[in-house]
Structure formats: structure tokens, C-alpha cells
Amino acid sequence: MTVDSSLVDRIVHGVLQQLRTPGPFAAKPVPPAAAPLSAPAPRPAADCRIGQPVITARLIEELVPKTATGVVVAQRAVVTPAALDVVRARKLTIRREAAAAPETSPPARTLTVIVRNTPAVERLGRQNRWRRELLGCPDDAAALAISTLSRGDADRVVIFAAQSHRAACLANRNSAVKAAAIASFDDLRSVLEQLRVNVLCVDPTGRTDFELTRIIDLFEKPRPVRSKAE
């Protein structure tokens, strides 16, 4: 019997096609198993703060959790011997809070009112140490000094004016103002020993910026509070 080779090729090709095509009962691929969830990492132990002035054993037992590694107490807290025994038994550390830094007084707030402008006063203004106001007469300067001190916008006022005595006299009409006109650095030192001046009137004519800076620095220097008896 003669076998047609082309027929054989078609039969083989059909069989291979059937083998490549999955049937209705073919096994389905199994999805990969999900990775197991890892347990959350434990939180790091922290110190426990107790703010009471007296630290007792009972306070430590009630307030300090088992996961804590230390106890923080106030700077001046008293720790009883029994509390120290509990601290040692639980292998805790105990430390005191750092002492608060001492409060520093804010820098002096000074307003400079310029009626008489000179090269020295101009150079002084470039230091940007003081707030400045330019006015046209000593009367306006005295009025500004009164309003500024009354509102609390400055601690002291320096008036640069040729008519320094007039400016001081007008400013002293207000009870909140104690003004003085000075002629030199030594004059200011003498005035400050006797009066608590908050308005300083200076004629800047012929003075150097170094001299004016010394005067203002001395005027801003904190002074001890004088008693009424003095």
C-alpha cells in the first residue's frame, strides 16, 4: 500500500496542534503563595517623666511602664530611698532635668530723634542700632518723646538738637518723662548718679561720632534701682 507523505505530514501537524492547545480539563497554574506578614518592629523604649516634687516607690510602680528604661525627674525633686531600691531592682536609670537657662533682659530700646543733623550723627545712624526719626524743631521732638514713652514703644529717647535745653524743658512737662540736657560725657555721668533720666537731650554740634556713641552707650547702660529714700 502506498502512503501519501503529504497526508502523513498533515496528520502529524494536527496532533501537535492539539497537544499545544490546553483542553477544558487542563490544570490551571497555581499562584505563588503570599509572603507571610512580618510582625511590627517593637517601639524603642523611652524614659518616663515624673513631675511630682517627691518621688516615691509607689509612684514609680504606678507610673513607669515595664517597657521604660529610665525615669526623668525635676531638677529639685526628692527621691526617697525606697524609690531608689525600685529603680535598682528594675534596672532603670534615673536622671534630673537640666536647669532652665536664666532669663536675660532684652536689649535696651532707644529712639533717637534728630533735629540737628551733623556728619557725626549721620555716621552714627549707619550703625543701625537705634530707631531714628527726623524732625524740624525741638518742640516736635519733645512731643514725640512724650508719646513714645507713654505708649511704651521705647525705653529711652535721645534728642539731638541745638536747642537741647528747650527740648528737655518741654519734655519734662509730662510726668512720665525725666529729661536732661547734657554738655559732655562727664556731665551725663553726674546726671545719671542723681536722676533716672529717660530722655537725653544733646547738642551734636562739633562732636565726633565716637563721643556721641560713648554718650549713648552710657545712657543705655542698666542702672540699679534707687530707693525712694535716696
Foldseek 3Di string as FASTA:
>chain_A
DDDDPVVVVVVVVVVVVVVVDDDPPDDDDDDDDDDDDDDDDDDQAEEAEDEDQEAELVCCVPGPDLRHQEYEYEPNHHYDPRNVVNCVVSNHYYDYDDDDDDDDDDAFAEEEEEQDDDPLVVVLVVVVPYHYHYDNDLLVVLVVQQVCVVVVVGQAYEYADPPQVVSQVNNVVDVSAHEDEAAFQVRLVVVVVPDLHRYYYYHCPPPHNVRVVSNVVVNRDDDDDDDPVD
